[in-house]
Amino acid sequence: MSISKEELNKLDYITYYRKNPKESYSIYKKTQVIIKIIQALKFNLQNKNILDIGFGTGSTLLSLSQINCRLYGIEFIREANLNLRLKTKNNVRFNLILSSISTIPFKKNSFHIIICSHVLEHVKEDYSALMEIWRVLCKKGIIIFLTPNENYGNRHKLHYRTYSYVKLENLIKNKFSIIFRLKYRSFIDNYMYKIPEKFYFLNRILNISSFFDLFFARKFRNLEDLYLLIKK
């Protein structure tokens, strides 16, 4: 009996999170980019609702937990939820929910900011998932959307697609507008992407490398993009 890509995705992530993965340079980098974008927005986050779809190790939620806002995270596998609860000893200032991007268990217009980092390329029906995000996002709400682009190619067996600027623009028309695009991963990042947490004593080098990675991603061939989308 053949196994669908959706089932393979789920099995792959269950295996990954059962190992209780450590933070890597990859996670560190994505989290730093997201936080810097939120800071650059100069958005008053006090008492606002923020949803992280596919929160993974919880790095972004943990980074935002010092801000006086209401944080929510959804994951489609139980293991990720349990790992983050264990990591924080259940002493957290956010709500974790077991759910998929296709059926977000909130009322319409519930969130001011939604983070969707490297999730949509794993979803077969990406337009339906985007419409679900549109439903729960407030009017003029923001999506911080991270994704591999066409330069990334087919190197990941569990990706349904990659997104170019034009492809994304066509997908979201009439529902969202692209207000910003950041090219944030270059060829340099390939050599550092799996540096584990135990090497974080090299923080200074990591920060310098991040600077050069952003520089090369903007000037040359980049592999991944961050988009800022606003609900129409």
Protein backbone atom coordinates (compact mmCIF):
# COMPACT_ATOMS: atom_id res chain seq x y z
CA MET A 1 0.00 0.00 0.00
CA SER A 2 1.42 3.38 -1.00
CA ILE A 3 1.80 6.15 1.57
CA SER A 4 0.72 9.67 0.68
CA LYS A 5 3.05 12.62 1.02
CA GLU A 6 0.84 13.99 3.82
CA GLU A 7 1.35 10.77 5.81
CA LEU A 8 5.09 10.82 5.07
CA ASN A 9 5.26 14.42 6.30
CA LYS A 10 3.56 13.44 9.53
CA LEU A 11 5.74 10.37 10.08
CA ASP A 12 8.89 12.36 9.34
CA TYR A 13 8.04 15.05 11.87
CA ILE A 14 6.91 12.55 14.52
CA THR A 15 10.31 10.84 14.19
CA TYR A 16 12.09 14.20 14.37
CA TYR A 17 10.27 15.48 17.45
CA ARG A 18 10.45 12.18 19.31
CA LYS A 19 14.19 12.85 19.48
CA ASN A 20 13.42 16.18 21.23
CA PRO A 21 15.65 18.13 18.80
CA LYS A 22 18.09 20.76 20.03
CA GLU A 23 18.09 24.26 18.65
CA SER A 24 20.30 24.50 15.56
CA TYR A 25 21.76 27.41 13.62
CA SER A 26 18.88 26.90 11.17
CA ILE A 27 16.27 27.52 13.89
CA TYR A 28 18.33 30.31 15.45
CA LYS A 29 18.58 32.09 12.10
CA LYS A 30 14.88 31.88 11.25
CA THR A 31 13.90 33.04 14.73
CA GLN A 32 16.26 36.03 14.60
CA VAL A 33 14.91 37.07 11.19
CA ILE A 34 11.29 36.86 12.40
CA ILE A 35 11.99 38.81 15.60
CA LYS A 36 13.86 41.54 13.69
CA ILE A 37 10.96 41.91 11.27
CA ILE A 38 8.46 42.23 14.14
CA GLN A 39 10.69 44.83 15.79
CA ALA A 40 11.04 46.73 12.51
CA LEU A 41 7.25 46.89 12.19
CA LYS A 42 7.16 49.04 15.36
CA PHE A 43 3.77 47.50 15.92
CA ASN A 44 2.21 47.99 19.35
CA LEU A 45 2.00 44.36 20.44
CA GLN A 46 0.47 45.01 23.84
CA ASN A 47 -2.63 42.83 24.26
CA LYS A 48 -2.48 41.74 20.62
CA ASN A 49 -3.04 38.13 19.52
CA ILE A 50 -0.15 36.40 17.72
CA LEU A 51 -0.38 32.90 16.23
CA ASP A 52 2.64 30.78 15.26
CA ILE A 53 1.52 28.07 12.83
CA GLY A 54 3.83 25.06 12.98
CA PHE A 55 5.81 26.41 15.95
CA GLY A 56 8.29 23.50 15.90
CA THR A 57 10.75 23.76 18.78
CA GLY A 58 8.96 26.89 20.04
CA SER A 59 11.95 29.15 19.53
CA THR A 60 9.89 32.08 18.19
CA LEU A 61 7.20 31.75 20.85
CA LEU A 62 9.85 31.70 23.57
CA SER A 63 11.52 34.79 22.10
CA LEU A 64 8.20 36.65 22.06
CA SER A 65 7.06 35.49 25.50
CA GLN A 66 8.64 38.48 27.25
CA ILE A 67 6.30 40.84 25.40
CA ASN A 68 2.91 41.67 26.87
CA CYS A 69 0.85 40.03 24.13
CA ARG A 70 -1.28 36.91 23.80
CA LEU A 71 0.65 34.10 22.13
CA TYR A 72 -0.77 30.97 20.50
CA GLY A 73 0.93 28.10 18.71
CA ILE A 74 -0.45 25.23 16.67
CA GLU A 75 1.26 22.02 15.58
CA PHE A 76 -0.25 19.03 13.83
CA ILE A 77 1.67 16.44 15.86
CA ARG A 78 1.46 15.75 19.59
CA GLU A 79 5.22 15.31 20.07
CA ALA A 80 6.09 18.96 19.31
CA ASN A 81 3.48 20.18 21.80
CA LEU A 82 4.78 17.82 24.51
CA ASN A 83 8.43 18.77 23.88
CA LEU A 84 7.75 22.47 24.31
CA ARG A 85 5.68 21.90 27.45
CA LEU A 86 8.51 19.81 28.92
CA LYS A 87 11.13 22.38 27.89
CA THR A 88 9.26 25.14 29.71
CA LYS A 89 8.01 22.85 32.52
CA ASN A 90 4.55 23.99 31.47
CA ASN A 91 5.36 27.43 32.90
CA VAL A 92 4.66 29.39 29.75
CA ARG A 93 2.80 32.48 28.67
CA PHE A 94 1.36 31.00 25.52
CA ASN A 95 -1.33 28.54 24.48
CA LEU A 96 -0.37 25.40 22.55
CA ILE A 97 -2.98 23.67 20.42
CA LEU A 98 -2.89 20.38 18.53
CA SER A 99 -4.28 21.24 15.11
CA SER A 100 -3.43 21.58 11.43
CA ILE A 101 -3.19 24.67 9.26
CA SER A 102 -6.20 23.40 7.29
CA THR A 103 -8.59 23.64 10.27
CA ILE A 104 -7.44 26.40 12.62
CA PRO A 105 -9.72 26.17 15.69
CA PHE A 106 -10.39 29.90 16.16
CA LYS A 107 -13.10 32.34 15.18
CA LYS A 108 -12.63 34.68 12.23
CA ASN A 109 -10.64 37.88 12.82
CA SER A 110 -8.91 36.42 15.89
CA PHE A 111 -5.26 37.36 15.23
CA HIS A 112 -3.32 40.53 14.52
CA ILE A 113 -0.11 38.74 13.44
CA ILE A 114 0.30 35.19 12.11
CA ILE A 115 3.71 33.55 11.66
CA CYS A 116 3.87 30.79 9.05
CA SER A 117 7.47 29.63 8.75
CA HIS A 118 8.25 26.78 6.36
CA VAL A 119 4.82 25.20 6.59
CA LEU A 120 2.88 25.96 3.41
CA GLU A 121 5.27 24.13 1.07
CA HIS A 122 4.44 20.93 3.02
CA VAL A 123 0.68 21.36 2.52
CA LYS A 124 -0.99 19.78 -0.51
CA GLU A 125 -3.89 22.26 -0.69
CA ASP A 126 -1.98 25.49 -0.11
CA TYR A 127 -4.76 27.81 -1.28
CA SER A 128 -7.26 26.29 1.17
CA ALA A 129 -4.71 26.66 3.97
CA LEU A 130 -4.15 30.31 3.03
CA MET A 131 -7.89 30.94 3.08
CA GLU A 132 -8.04 29.48 6.57
CA ILE A 133 -5.29 31.91 7.62
CA TRP A 134 -7.23 34.72 5.94
CA ARG A 135 -10.34 33.75 7.93
CA VAL A 136 -8.69 33.96 11.37
CA LEU A 137 -6.60 37.06 10.59
CA CYS A 138 -7.93 40.50 11.52
CA LYS A 139 -8.55 43.08 8.83
CA LYS A 140 -5.21 44.69 7.95
CA GLY A 141 -3.58 41.86 9.90
CA ILE A 142 -0.04 40.75 9.05
CA ILE A 143 1.37 37.38 7.98
CA ILE A 144 5.09 36.75 8.37
CA PHE A 145 5.61 34.03 5.77
CA LEU A 146 8.92 32.17 5.32
CA THR A 147 9.42 29.74 2.46
CA PRO A 148 11.99 28.17 0.12
CA ASN A 149 11.99 29.69 -3.37
CA GLU A 150 12.60 28.29 -6.86
CA ASN A 151 16.39 28.36 -6.32
CA TYR A 152 15.95 25.81 -3.54
CA GLY A 153 14.75 23.27 -6.09
CA ASN A 154 13.43 19.80 -5.29
CA ARG A 155 16.02 18.88 -2.69
CA HIS A 156 13.41 18.23 0.02
CA LYS A 157 11.35 15.10 -0.63
CA LEU A 158 8.46 16.33 1.53
CA HIS A 159 7.90 19.64 -0.29
CA TYR A 160 4.97 19.94 -2.67
CA ARG A 161 6.34 23.14 -4.21
CA THR A 162 8.49 26.23 -3.79
CA TYR A 163 7.29 29.82 -4.20
CA SER A 164 8.56 32.54 -6.48
CA TYR A 165 7.37 36.11 -5.98
CA VAL A 166 5.05 35.81 -9.01
CA LYS A 167 3.67 32.42 -7.95
CA LEU A 168 2.89 33.69 -4.47
CA GLU A 169 1.37 36.91 -5.80
CA ASN A 170 -0.98 34.92 -8.06
CA LEU A 171 -1.94 32.61 -5.18
CA ILE A 172 -2.89 35.39 -2.76
CA LYS A 173 -4.48 37.94 -5.11
CA ASN A 174 -7.73 39.51 -3.86
CA LYS A 175 -6.99 38.29 -0.32
CA PHE A 176 -3.52 39.59 0.64
CA SER A 177 -0.96 42.09 -0.60
CA ILE A 178 2.81 41.59 -0.48
CA ILE A 179 4.25 44.62 1.28
CA PHE A 180 7.81 43.39 1.84
CA ARG A 181 10.19 40.64 0.75
CA LEU A 182 13.47 39.72 2.43
CA LYS A 183 15.98 37.36 0.81
CA TYR A 184 17.54 35.82 3.89
CA ARG A 185 19.35 32.58 3.02
CA SER A 186 22.32 32.37 0.63
CA PHE A 187 24.76 29.66 -0.43
CA ILE A 188 26.90 30.47 2.65
CA ASP A 189 24.09 29.30 4.89
CA ASN A 190 24.29 25.80 3.42
CA TYR A 191 27.58 25.28 5.26
CA MET A 192 26.23 26.43 8.62
CA TYR A 193 22.63 25.32 8.56
CA LYS A 194 23.02 22.34 10.89
CA ILE A 195 25.35 23.78 13.51
CA PRO A 196 23.94 22.43 16.79
CA GLU A 197 23.22 24.31 20.00
CA LYS A 198 26.40 23.08 21.72
CA PHE A 199 28.44 25.40 19.48
CA TYR A 200 26.58 28.51 20.58
CA PHE A 201 29.76 29.73 22.28
CA LEU A 202 30.52 30.85 18.71
CA ASN A 203 27.67 33.36 18.91
CA ARG A 204 29.84 36.21 17.69
CA ILE A 205 30.89 34.23 14.63
CA LEU A 206 27.28 33.18 14.04
CA ASN A 207 26.14 36.79 14.11
CA ILE A 208 28.90 37.84 11.70
CA SER A 209 28.00 34.91 9.43
CA SER A 210 24.33 35.92 9.54
CA PHE A 211 25.28 39.42 8.43
CA PHE A 212 27.26 38.12 5.44
CA ASP A 213 24.57 35.56 4.63
CA LEU A 214 21.95 38.34 4.41
CA PHE A 215 24.31 40.41 2.28
CA PHE A 216 24.98 37.59 -0.20
CA ALA A 217 21.32 36.53 -0.26
CA ARG A 218 20.32 40.04 -1.33
CA LYS A 219 23.07 40.44 -3.90
CA PHE A 220 23.30 36.96 -5.39
CA ARG A 221 21.26 33.78 -5.58
CA ASN A 222 19.15 33.27 -2.47
CA LEU A 223 17.39 30.06 -1.43
CA GLU A 224 14.68 31.22 0.95
CA ASP A 225 12.49 34.28 1.37
CA LEU A 226 10.53 36.05 4.06
CA TYR A 227 7.37 37.81 2.90
CA LEU A 228 5.28 40.29 4.82
CA LEU A 229 1.67 39.95 3.73
CA ILE A 230 -1.25 42.17 4.74
CA LYS A 231 -4.88 41.13 4.66
CA LYS A 232 -6.97 43.18 2.25
